[in-house]
Amino acid sequence: MKIPESFSRRGFLAAAAAASAASLQGRNTKHVPVGLLIYAVLADWKKDFNGTLTAVAQMGYEGVELTQYESWTPARAKEVRALLDGIRLKTFATHTEPEFFVPGDKMKGMMELNRILGTQTVCCVRGLANSATPAANNPARANNPAGANAAPGGPNGQGKKGGGGGGGGAEIGYHPVKATNEADAWKELADVLQAAAETIKRDKMAVSFHNHAVEFQTRGNGVGRPIDTLAKAKGLTFHTDVNVAIRAGSDVVAFIKRYPGKSDCLLLTDGPADADRHAPAFGKGDTPWKDVFAAAESVGGVKYYLLTHGATELTPLETVKRDLEQYKAIHG
C-alpha cells in the first residue's frame, strides 16, 4: 500500500520540527538515574538516619552513595538494605577508604557489607596519603594548603582518620608499601585498585575512584597527572568530581572522551565558590553541563549521576532538593 505523499510530507515536517525543538532546548532524552552522595546531608543523616534517607527518596532521588559504613555489622547492613528497599532507594555506591581495597580481612568484611547492601560500585575515595605526595612535586599553580586529599567547600575535605593501604597509621589515604617515590606510588595504587576490581567483579560490583584536585594536577619529578596513571588500571572506573577537576585546570569533557567507558559516574558539582565559600546552585556556575552530559552519555559509559554540595545559605536538605530540581530542568 502506497503512503500518500501529503501524509509523508506532513510526517517529515513534524519530525523535523520536533528534532529542531529538541536541539534548541539542548535537552537529553536518555534517562540516567540520579542519586545523592550522603556527605551532602551528613549532619542530618547522623541525627536521623532513617528520616533523612526517607526525605531524600521523597524528593525523587533514585539512589545514594553511602558513607562511613565500613564499621557496620552484617546485621546493621541488612537493616539498612531493608530500609532502602522499602523507600525504593538503591545503593549506587559506597564511599570507601583505600585500606579496604588491600587483600585481607578488612577487604573481606567490606565486600560482605556491599553484597548485603546490593552495591553497584565500591568507590575508593582517596588517593595517596599526603606523606607520599611531597611538596617538591606540587605544580606552581597548586593552591591546596590542606594537602592532597582535601578540597575546600565540599565533601572531599571531610576525611576521617584511618590506616592507609599497607603502612597503617592515622594519616588518611593510601600508604605505599613498595614504592619509594611518588610516581611509583601512584602506579602501586593503580595496581591495588586493578586487583580489587578483578576480585569484586565476581560479585557483579565495580570499583571506581573519586578524585581530589591532586589527581588532575600535573606534578613534577616524572609523576605527571596521577589520574592518567590510574586510568591505566583495567576495570577501574571514575567517579569524577566535575568542579574539583575543573578548578584543578582540567577539561572534563576532553577527559571523558580520552578514556571512553571509564566514566562510571559524575559528581555533579558546580563552581566557582563565592567569597564565603558557598558553591553556586547546580547549573548556576560556569560548568558547560550540556557538553559534559553529552560526552558522559555518548562515550563515557555513565551509569548514574550523583548530586552533592558543600555549604550554602540553605539547609543541606533544602540544598539537595533545589539541586535535584535544577538538574531536571537542565538535563531534561
Foldseek 3Di string as FASTA:
>chain_A
DDDDPVVVVVVVVVVVVVVVVCVVLLADDDDFAEAAECQLQVVVCVVPVLVVVLLRLVLPHQAYAAEPCLPPDLVVLLVVLVSCVVSRYAHAEYADFLQLLADDDSVVSVLSSCLSRVYAEYEHEAAAFQVQVDPQFADPPDDDVVGQQADPWFPSNDDAFWQANPPGDRTGHHDDDPDDHNQVRLLRSLQSQLVSQVVSCVSVHAYEYEHALQQLAQTDPPNGRSVVSNLPRPRYAYAYAVARNVVSPDDLLVVLVVRFQRHQEYAQFADDADPVSFGDQRPPHDDPVSSNVVSCVPGNNYNHYYYHGGDDPDNSSVRVSRNVVVCVSRHD
